Protein backbone atom coordinates (compact mmCIF):
# COMPACT_ATOMS: atom_id res chain seq x y z
CA MET A 1 -8.87 18.89 6.33
CA TYR A 2 -9.41 15.59 7.81
CA ALA A 3 -10.81 12.58 5.77
CA THR A 4 -12.31 9.57 7.93
CA ARG A 5 -9.98 6.71 7.54
CA THR A 6 -11.32 2.93 6.99
CA LEU A 7 -8.38 1.94 9.40
CA GLU A 8 -10.22 3.80 12.16
CA ARG A 9 -12.44 0.87 13.02
CA PHE A 10 -9.98 -1.68 13.05
CA PHE A 11 -7.15 0.22 14.97
CA VAL A 12 -9.71 0.95 17.89
CA LYS A 13 -10.70 -2.61 18.10
CA ALA A 14 -6.92 -3.76 18.01
CA ALA A 15 -5.95 -0.92 20.73
CA SER A 16 -8.52 -2.69 23.15
CA GLN A 17 -6.75 -5.95 23.09
CA PHE A 18 -2.82 -4.97 22.59
CA PRO A 19 -0.66 -2.75 24.80
CA VAL A 20 1.20 -1.67 22.07
CA MET A 21 -0.12 -0.67 18.79
CA LEU A 22 2.21 -0.02 15.69
CA LEU A 23 0.91 1.79 12.66
CA THR A 24 3.43 1.55 9.67
CA GLY A 25 3.28 2.96 6.47
CA ALA A 26 5.24 5.57 4.07
CA ARG A 27 5.85 9.09 5.03
CA GLN A 28 3.14 11.39 4.49
CA VAL A 29 0.31 8.96 4.49
CA GLY A 30 -1.46 10.18 7.24
CA LYS A 31 -0.32 7.76 10.14
CA THR A 32 0.19 10.63 12.67
CA THR A 33 -2.96 12.61 11.69
CA LEU A 34 -5.20 9.54 11.96
CA LEU A 35 -3.69 8.78 15.52
CA GLN A 36 -3.80 12.48 16.55
CA HIS A 37 -7.76 12.07 15.53
CA LEU A 38 -8.19 9.05 17.74
CA ARG A 39 -6.14 9.75 20.73
CA GLU A 40 -7.64 10.16 24.08
CA ALA A 41 -7.16 13.70 25.93
CA ASN A 42 -5.05 11.96 28.43
CA ARG A 43 -2.60 10.38 25.87
CA THR A 44 0.68 12.28 25.48
CA TYR A 45 1.91 12.77 21.92
CA ILE A 46 6.02 12.51 21.42
CA THR A 47 7.70 13.37 18.29
CA PHE A 48 11.04 12.76 17.55
CA ASP A 49 11.37 15.73 15.49
CA ASP A 50 12.30 17.30 18.53
CA PRO A 51 16.11 16.83 18.63
CA LEU A 52 15.95 17.11 22.50
CA ILE A 53 13.45 14.67 23.06
CA LEU A 54 14.90 12.17 20.62
CA ASP A 55 18.32 12.56 22.33
CA LEU A 56 16.72 11.82 25.56
CA ALA A 57 15.16 8.65 24.24
CA ARG A 58 18.69 7.45 22.97
CA ARG A 59 20.91 8.57 25.75
CA ASP A 60 18.54 7.81 29.05
CA PRO A 61 15.41 5.36 28.06
CA PRO A 62 14.61 5.01 31.79
CA LEU A 63 14.27 8.75 32.35
CA PHE A 64 12.44 8.96 28.92
CA MET A 65 10.10 6.53 30.22
CA GLN A 66 9.41 8.18 33.67
CA ARG A 67 9.11 11.75 32.05
CA TYR A 68 6.51 10.22 29.53
CA SER A 69 4.15 7.50 31.26
CA PRO A 70 1.73 5.87 29.20
CA PRO A 71 -0.58 6.43 27.76
CA VAL A 72 1.56 7.76 24.93
CA LEU A 73 1.43 8.02 21.25
CA ILE A 74 5.26 8.05 19.86
CA ASP A 75 5.87 9.27 16.55
CA GLU A 76 8.35 7.50 14.22
CA ILE A 77 9.57 4.84 16.70
CA GLN A 78 12.52 3.65 14.46
CA TYR A 79 14.41 6.46 15.32
CA ALA A 80 14.72 5.40 19.05
CA PRO A 81 14.93 1.66 19.03
CA GLU A 82 16.70 2.01 22.49
CA LEU A 83 13.04 2.64 24.04
CA LEU A 84 11.79 -0.90 22.77
CA PRO A 85 13.15 -3.02 25.74
CA HIS A 86 11.82 -0.49 28.43
CA ILE A 87 8.55 -0.15 26.48
CA LYS A 88 8.22 -4.24 27.03
CA MET A 89 9.11 -3.67 30.80
CA GLU A 90 6.40 -1.26 31.15
CA VAL A 91 3.89 -3.51 29.23
CA ASP A 92 4.95 -6.53 31.41
CA ARG A 93 4.60 -4.72 34.68
CA SER A 94 1.42 -2.95 33.61
CA ARG A 95 -0.55 -5.58 31.58
CA LYS A 96 -3.09 -2.90 29.99
CA PRO A 97 -4.30 -2.48 26.55
CA GLY A 98 -3.65 0.59 24.74
CA LEU A 99 -0.41 1.63 26.52
CA PHE A 100 1.65 2.70 23.74
CA TRP A 101 0.77 3.87 20.41
CA LEU A 102 3.71 4.00 17.84
CA THR A 103 4.25 4.82 14.13
CA GLY A 104 6.80 3.88 11.94
CA SER A 105 7.86 4.77 8.19
CA GLN A 106 9.70 1.54 7.89
CA GLN A 107 8.34 -2.07 8.07
CA PHE A 108 8.22 -3.62 11.50
CA HIS A 109 10.52 -6.23 10.84
CA LEU A 110 13.52 -4.02 9.70
CA MET A 111 13.60 -2.13 12.94
CA LYS A 112 16.48 -3.43 15.00
CA GLY A 113 15.28 -5.65 17.87
CA VAL A 114 11.85 -5.13 17.56
CA SER A 115 10.58 -8.39 17.13
CA GLU A 116 12.43 -9.81 19.84
CA SER A 117 11.25 -6.90 22.26
CA LEU A 118 7.71 -6.82 21.52
CA ALA A 119 6.80 -10.23 20.45
CA GLY A 120 3.24 -11.35 21.48
CA ARG A 121 2.50 -7.68 22.86
CA VAL A 122 1.96 -5.45 19.55
CA GLY A 123 -0.63 -5.15 17.10
CA ILE A 124 0.88 -4.18 13.77
CA VAL A 125 -1.19 -2.52 11.00
CA GLN A 126 -0.31 -0.65 7.80
CA LEU A 127 -1.79 2.53 6.44
CA LEU A 128 -1.50 3.10 2.71
CA GLY A 129 -2.44 6.71 0.80
CA LEU A 130 -6.29 7.59 0.77
CA SER A 131 -8.49 5.38 -1.11
CA ARG A 132 -10.81 6.91 -3.47
CA ARG A 133 -13.74 5.93 -1.11
CA GLU A 134 -12.04 7.89 1.60
CA THR A 135 -12.07 10.95 -0.43
CA LEU A 136 -15.43 10.82 -0.89
CA GLY A 137 -16.18 10.59 2.68
CA GLU A 138 -17.05 6.84 2.60
CA GLY A 139 -14.49 5.76 4.78
CA ARG A 140 -16.56 4.11 7.62
CA SER A 141 -18.44 2.02 4.92
CA VAL A 142 -15.61 0.21 3.08
CA VAL A 143 -15.26 -3.60 3.18
CA PRO A 144 -12.86 -5.81 1.53
CA PHE A 145 -13.37 -5.81 -2.29
CA LEU A 146 -14.76 -9.00 -3.58
CA PRO A 147 -16.01 -8.88 -7.18
CA THR A 148 -19.46 -10.74 -6.27
CA PRO A 149 -22.39 -9.23 -8.19
CA ALA A 150 -23.97 -7.85 -5.07
CA GLU A 151 -20.98 -6.01 -4.04
CA ILE A 152 -20.40 -4.63 -7.53
CA ARG A 153 -23.79 -3.34 -7.57
CA LYS A 154 -23.51 -1.53 -4.08
CA ARG A 155 -20.33 -0.06 -4.97
CA VAL A 156 -21.62 1.33 -8.20
CA THR A 157 -24.47 2.84 -6.37
CA THR A 158 -22.18 4.46 -3.80
CA GLY A 159 -19.30 5.25 -6.16
CA GLY A 160 -20.92 7.69 -8.33
CA LYS A 161 -19.60 8.53 -11.91
CA ILE A 162 -16.19 9.10 -12.91
CA LYS A 163 -15.20 10.03 -16.39
CA LEU A 164 -11.85 9.31 -18.17
CA ASP A 165 -9.98 12.58 -17.54
CA GLU A 166 -11.40 12.61 -13.93
CA LEU A 167 -9.96 9.25 -13.55
CA TYR A 168 -6.39 9.82 -14.88
CA ARG A 169 -6.14 13.25 -12.79
CA ILE A 170 -6.84 11.08 -9.57
CA VAL A 171 -4.30 8.83 -10.67
CA TRP A 172 -1.89 11.27 -12.04
CA ARG A 173 -2.00 13.43 -8.47
CA GLY A 174 -1.73 10.46 -6.23
CA ALA A 175 -3.19 9.30 -2.95
CA PHE A 176 -1.12 11.49 -0.34
CA PRO A 177 -3.43 13.50 1.85
CA ALA A 178 -1.65 16.56 0.93
CA ILE A 179 -2.42 16.24 -2.79
CA ALA A 180 -5.45 14.23 -2.71
CA LEU A 181 -7.55 16.72 -0.38
CA ALA A 182 -5.98 20.13 -1.86
CA ARG A 183 -6.90 20.48 -5.67
CA SER A 184 -4.74 23.56 -5.69
CA ALA A 185 -1.57 22.09 -3.99
CA ASP A 186 1.28 22.21 -6.28
CA ARG A 187 1.75 18.33 -7.17
CA ASP A 188 5.28 18.76 -8.44
CA LEU A 189 6.77 20.61 -5.80
CA PHE A 190 5.10 18.04 -3.40
CA TYR A 191 6.90 14.95 -4.88
CA SER A 192 10.15 16.78 -5.62
CA SER A 193 10.19 17.61 -1.93
CA TYR A 194 8.86 14.22 -1.01
CA VAL A 195 11.72 12.17 -2.85
CA GLN A 196 14.68 14.50 -1.47
CA THR A 197 13.14 13.78 2.03
CA TYR A 198 12.94 10.29 1.48
CA LEU A 199 16.41 9.80 -0.01
CA GLN A 200 18.04 12.13 2.99
CA ARG A 201 16.40 10.34 5.82
CA ASP A 202 14.86 6.83 5.34
CA VAL A 203 17.20 5.51 2.58
CA ARG A 204 19.97 6.61 4.48
CA ASP A 205 18.77 4.96 7.90
CA LEU A 206 18.06 1.63 5.98
CA SER A 207 21.16 1.38 3.86
CA ARG A 208 24.25 3.23 2.83
CA VAL A 209 23.61 4.58 -0.52
CA GLY A 210 26.82 6.30 -1.55
CA ASN A 211 25.38 8.04 -4.74
CA GLU A 212 21.89 9.88 -4.30
CA LEU A 213 21.76 10.31 -8.06
CA THR A 214 22.23 6.55 -8.77
CA PHE A 215 19.49 5.52 -6.21
CA LEU A 216 17.22 8.29 -7.98
CA ARG A 217 17.93 6.64 -11.21
CA PHE A 218 17.26 3.29 -9.81
CA LEU A 219 13.86 4.59 -8.24
CA ARG A 220 12.83 6.02 -11.81
CA ALA A 221 13.70 3.12 -13.45
CA THR A 222 11.41 1.06 -10.80
CA ALA A 223 8.84 3.50 -11.46
CA ALA A 224 8.56 2.56 -15.14
CA ARG A 225 8.28 -0.90 -14.27
CA SER A 226 4.84 -0.85 -12.37
CA GLY A 227 2.49 -3.25 -13.51
CA ARG A 228 4.80 -5.42 -14.99
CA LEU A 229 6.83 -8.68 -13.90
CA LEU A 230 9.70 -7.84 -12.06
CA ASN A 231 13.04 -8.72 -13.97
CA MET A 232 15.99 -7.87 -11.71
CA ALA A 233 18.62 -8.27 -13.94
CA GLU A 234 17.06 -5.86 -16.50
CA LEU A 235 16.13 -3.75 -13.51
CA ALA A 236 19.72 -3.52 -12.47
CA LYS A 237 21.10 -2.95 -16.18
CA ASP A 238 18.83 0.15 -16.66
CA ALA A 239 19.72 1.56 -13.35
CA ASP A 240 23.50 0.73 -14.00
CA VAL A 241 23.88 -0.85 -10.43
CA ALA A 242 24.80 -4.14 -9.61
CA PRO A 243 22.26 -7.09 -9.06
CA ASN A 244 22.70 -7.29 -5.82
CA THR A 245 22.49 -3.66 -5.00
CA ALA A 246 19.38 -3.68 -6.94
CA LYS A 247 17.89 -6.18 -4.96
CA ASN A 248 18.89 -4.41 -1.70
CA TRP A 249 17.65 -1.35 -2.96
CA LEU A 250 14.25 -2.91 -4.01
CA SER A 251 13.73 -4.18 -0.30
CA ILE A 252 14.14 -0.64 0.68
CA LEU A 253 11.43 0.58 -1.08
CA GLN A 254 9.47 -2.33 0.09
CA ALA A 255 10.29 -1.57 3.78
CA SER A 256 9.34 2.11 3.76
CA GLY A 257 5.80 1.51 1.82
CA ILE A 258 6.67 2.62 -1.64
CA VAL A 259 6.36 -0.53 -3.74
CA TYR A 260 4.21 -3.72 -3.47
CA LEU A 261 5.39 -7.00 -4.87
CA LEU A 262 2.23 -9.55 -5.71
CA GLU A 263 3.14 -13.03 -5.67
CA PRO A 264 2.13 -15.23 -8.51
CA TYR A 265 0.08 -18.26 -7.82
CA HIS A 266 1.56 -21.62 -8.19
CA THR A 267 0.73 -25.16 -7.06
CA ASN A 268 2.98 -28.05 -6.73
CA LEU A 269 1.24 -29.97 -9.73
CA THR A 270 2.40 -27.84 -12.29
CA LYS A 271 6.25 -26.37 -13.11
CA ARG A 272 4.62 -24.46 -16.16
CA ILE A 273 3.62 -21.38 -13.89
CA VAL A 274 6.04 -18.44 -13.97
CA LYS A 275 7.14 -17.80 -10.27
CA THR A 276 8.33 -14.21 -11.11
CA GLN A 277 6.74 -11.35 -8.84
CA LYS A 278 4.71 -8.41 -9.94
CA LEU A 279 5.88 -5.05 -9.34
CA TYR A 280 3.27 -2.24 -8.28
CA PHE A 281 4.19 1.25 -6.94
CA LEU A 282 1.68 1.90 -4.03
CA ASP A 283 1.14 5.40 -5.23
CA THR A 284 0.59 6.24 -8.79
CA GLY A 285 1.19 9.90 -8.10
CA LEU A 286 4.91 9.30 -7.07
CA CYS A 287 5.12 6.89 -9.93
CA SER A 288 3.74 9.32 -12.52
CA TRP A 289 6.20 11.96 -11.13
CA LEU A 290 9.13 9.83 -11.38
CA THR A 291 8.48 8.61 -14.84
CA GLU A 292 8.04 12.40 -15.93
CA TRP A 293 4.30 12.46 -17.13
CA SER A 294 3.76 16.33 -17.02
CA SER A 295 -0.07 15.99 -16.97
CA PRO A 296 -3.30 13.73 -16.57
CA LYS A 297 -3.80 14.18 -20.24
CA THR A 298 -0.11 12.83 -21.44
CA LEU A 299 -0.44 9.95 -18.88
CA GLU A 300 -3.68 8.95 -20.05
CA ALA A 301 -2.29 9.10 -24.00
CA GLY A 302 1.19 7.79 -23.09
CA ALA A 303 2.90 4.47 -22.97
CA MET A 304 2.03 3.69 -19.32
CA SER A 305 -1.36 4.50 -19.47
CA GLY A 306 -2.87 0.82 -19.01
CA ALA A 307 0.05 0.00 -16.70
CA ILE A 308 -0.48 2.84 -14.63
CA LEU A 309 -4.26 2.02 -14.39
CA GLU A 310 -3.59 -1.52 -13.29
CA THR A 311 -1.20 -0.02 -10.57
CA TRP A 312 -4.17 2.11 -9.14
CA VAL A 313 -6.67 -0.35 -9.20
CA VAL A 314 -4.78 -2.67 -7.44
CA SER A 315 -3.70 -0.27 -4.90
CA GLU A 316 -7.10 0.64 -4.23
CA ILE A 317 -8.31 -2.99 -3.90
CA LEU A 318 -5.16 -3.41 -1.67
CA LYS A 319 -6.22 -0.47 0.39
CA SER A 320 -9.93 -1.94 1.12
CA TRP A 321 -8.48 -5.01 2.64
CA TRP A 322 -5.29 -3.69 4.55
CA HIS A 323 -7.25 -0.55 5.87
CA ASN A 324 -9.78 -3.33 7.29
CA GLY A 325 -6.99 -5.08 9.07
CA ARG A 326 -6.93 -7.88 6.71
CA ARG A 327 -4.35 -9.57 5.17
CA ALA A 328 -4.86 -9.37 1.43
CA PRO A 329 -5.09 -12.91 -0.13
CA PHE A 330 -3.66 -11.44 -3.78
CA TYR A 331 -1.89 -13.35 -6.61
CA PHE A 332 -1.58 -13.22 -9.99
CA TYR A 333 -1.40 -15.86 -12.59
CA ARG A 334 0.88 -16.47 -15.62
CA ASP A 335 2.22 -19.51 -17.18
CA LYS A 336 5.03 -20.59 -19.97
CA ASP A 337 2.21 -20.43 -22.69
CA GLN A 338 1.55 -16.55 -21.83
CA LYS A 339 -1.91 -17.15 -20.23
CA GLU A 340 -2.01 -14.39 -17.64
CA ILE A 341 -4.76 -13.22 -15.15
CA ASP A 342 -4.08 -9.61 -13.75
CA LEU A 343 -5.46 -10.33 -10.00
CA LEU A 344 -6.83 -13.47 -8.08
CA ILE A 345 -8.40 -12.48 -4.97
CA VAL A 346 -8.75 -15.86 -2.80
CA GLN A 347 -11.39 -16.15 -0.17
CA ASP A 348 -12.33 -19.36 1.69
CA GLY A 349 -10.68 -21.41 -0.64
CA VAL A 350 -12.52 -19.80 -3.76
CA PHE A 351 -10.47 -17.97 -6.47
CA HIS A 352 -12.30 -14.74 -7.87
CA PRO A 353 -10.37 -13.73 -11.13
CA LEU A 354 -9.93 -10.21 -12.22
CA GLU A 355 -8.46 -8.69 -15.46
CA ILE A 356 -7.83 -4.86 -15.45
CA LYS A 357 -8.42 -3.38 -19.11
CA LYS A 358 -8.40 0.33 -20.18
CA THR A 359 -11.40 0.07 -22.49
CA ALA A 360 -15.21 0.83 -22.21
CA SER A 361 -16.39 -2.31 -24.04
CA PRO A 362 -14.78 -5.30 -22.76
CA GLY A 363 -15.76 -8.98 -24.40
CA THR A 364 -15.74 -12.58 -23.23
CA GLU A 365 -12.10 -12.60 -24.92
CA ASP A 366 -10.79 -10.60 -21.95
CA VAL A 367 -11.82 -13.33 -19.46
CA ARG A 368 -11.19 -16.46 -21.48
CA GLN A 369 -8.02 -17.23 -19.66
CA PHE A 370 -10.05 -17.51 -16.30
CA ALA A 371 -11.11 -21.23 -17.44
CA THR A 372 -7.43 -22.14 -17.06
CA LEU A 373 -7.97 -21.60 -12.87
CA GLY A 374 -10.84 -24.59 -13.70
CA LYS A 375 -8.49 -26.78 -15.71
CA LEU A 376 -5.93 -26.59 -12.51
CA GLY A 377 -8.68 -27.96 -10.50
CA LEU A 378 -9.24 -24.74 -8.49
CA PRO A 379 -12.66 -23.49 -7.38
CA VAL A 380 -13.51 -20.45 -9.12
CA GLY A 381 -16.06 -17.99 -7.72
CA HIS A 382 -17.40 -14.62 -9.55
CA GLY A 383 -14.83 -12.24 -11.36
CA GLY A 384 -14.83 -9.85 -13.96
CA VAL A 385 -13.12 -6.97 -15.83
CA VAL A 386 -12.49 -3.69 -14.04
CA CYS A 387 -12.99 -1.34 -17.08
CA LEU A 388 -14.17 2.02 -17.94
CA ALA A 389 -17.63 0.90 -18.89
CA PRO A 390 -20.31 3.07 -17.00
CA THR A 391 -22.50 0.08 -15.69
CA PRO A 392 -21.95 -3.46 -14.62
CA LEU A 393 -23.21 -6.22 -17.26
CA PRO A 394 -22.74 -9.91 -17.37
CA LEU A 395 -19.90 -11.10 -19.72
CA THR A 396 -20.61 -14.90 -18.87
CA ALA A 397 -22.48 -16.67 -16.14
CA THR A 398 -19.48 -16.04 -13.62
CA THR A 399 -18.02 -12.79 -14.92
CA THR A 400 -19.13 -9.17 -15.08
CA THR A 401 -18.10 -5.61 -16.28
CA ILE A 402 -16.81 -3.98 -13.34
CA PRO A 403 -16.82 0.04 -13.70
CA VAL A 404 -13.99 1.57 -12.18
CA SER A 405 -16.19 3.79 -9.84
CA ALA A 406 -17.09 0.55 -8.05
CA ILE A 407 -13.44 0.19 -7.01
């Protein structure tokens, strides 16, 4: 089963401009499936799962390039970085767009020599798991989310209804295509196998992890903090590792597309703004599995209920931007007086504030902190509260209740 991905439009457009396209993202989010769906009949598909092909790429890159001349699709390029200088030479010789399509499960800047080899020649895009809109068959129509009244009305119309139990079923199962598109698939088996593969392959490639059980403990401690301010000292303590080790391992989770760190917004006008990042898992199913919630019902009723909902909303909004090839201009606000705004979307210099609440009846008290932005002299646009309300209703002149079905 193939679900149309929002990223298709942008990828095809970018591939008509760049000689090399690199699609990054975590394992199993559908990178290869997407490019297999888009590739032309004459584009050769190469996977390094075949040890003979991988050995040739590493041992004799010139012969590899002769045998597999462009246009080609090379899966998991990070396993053969020796090819990159030769790809550069071929690009400089041919000077045509769309010669090489590459995928990688690790972020581009961590691959040895890539930046130097392909600077100015490569278009880089990132793929996350399936968005809810993509699972509904609306991948082609998704635009970057902004909480304007017109956009909210449109999204509510196309997003259908979503009840509490169904919402947490989606959150609990997660967005990996193998799980999101197959309700009968064994969720626990999938994530158990996923983590084992992730530990054995990506982590070993990125850093020497001496004790896999210790890293798994760190992974679980990180998942338990999704939707919260990042306190590296506490995280290291709970995982029983040194602070420098925790920092290094967290960078691995970022590099392999497992977590997202949301930056705080701050200006030079005030020193009272908290400058700590906020941590989010990019897949709520993996996060729920690591924190050992056995069912959607126990997750909804448990201590992580609000934080996991916030994690899901942020990741869904993030997908709407990244899958359109756009940088996500996201921040959060928190100051020393504990005034906090969950998400700020900055578009054309205007700040759109969002709160994310597990409630069906938000009130004006949920948006009272939005006034803080005006006091800082920032231009404030329309905002609102993403919640469980069935329909969008005005809270103030510039804020609205936003049903989760609009996400």
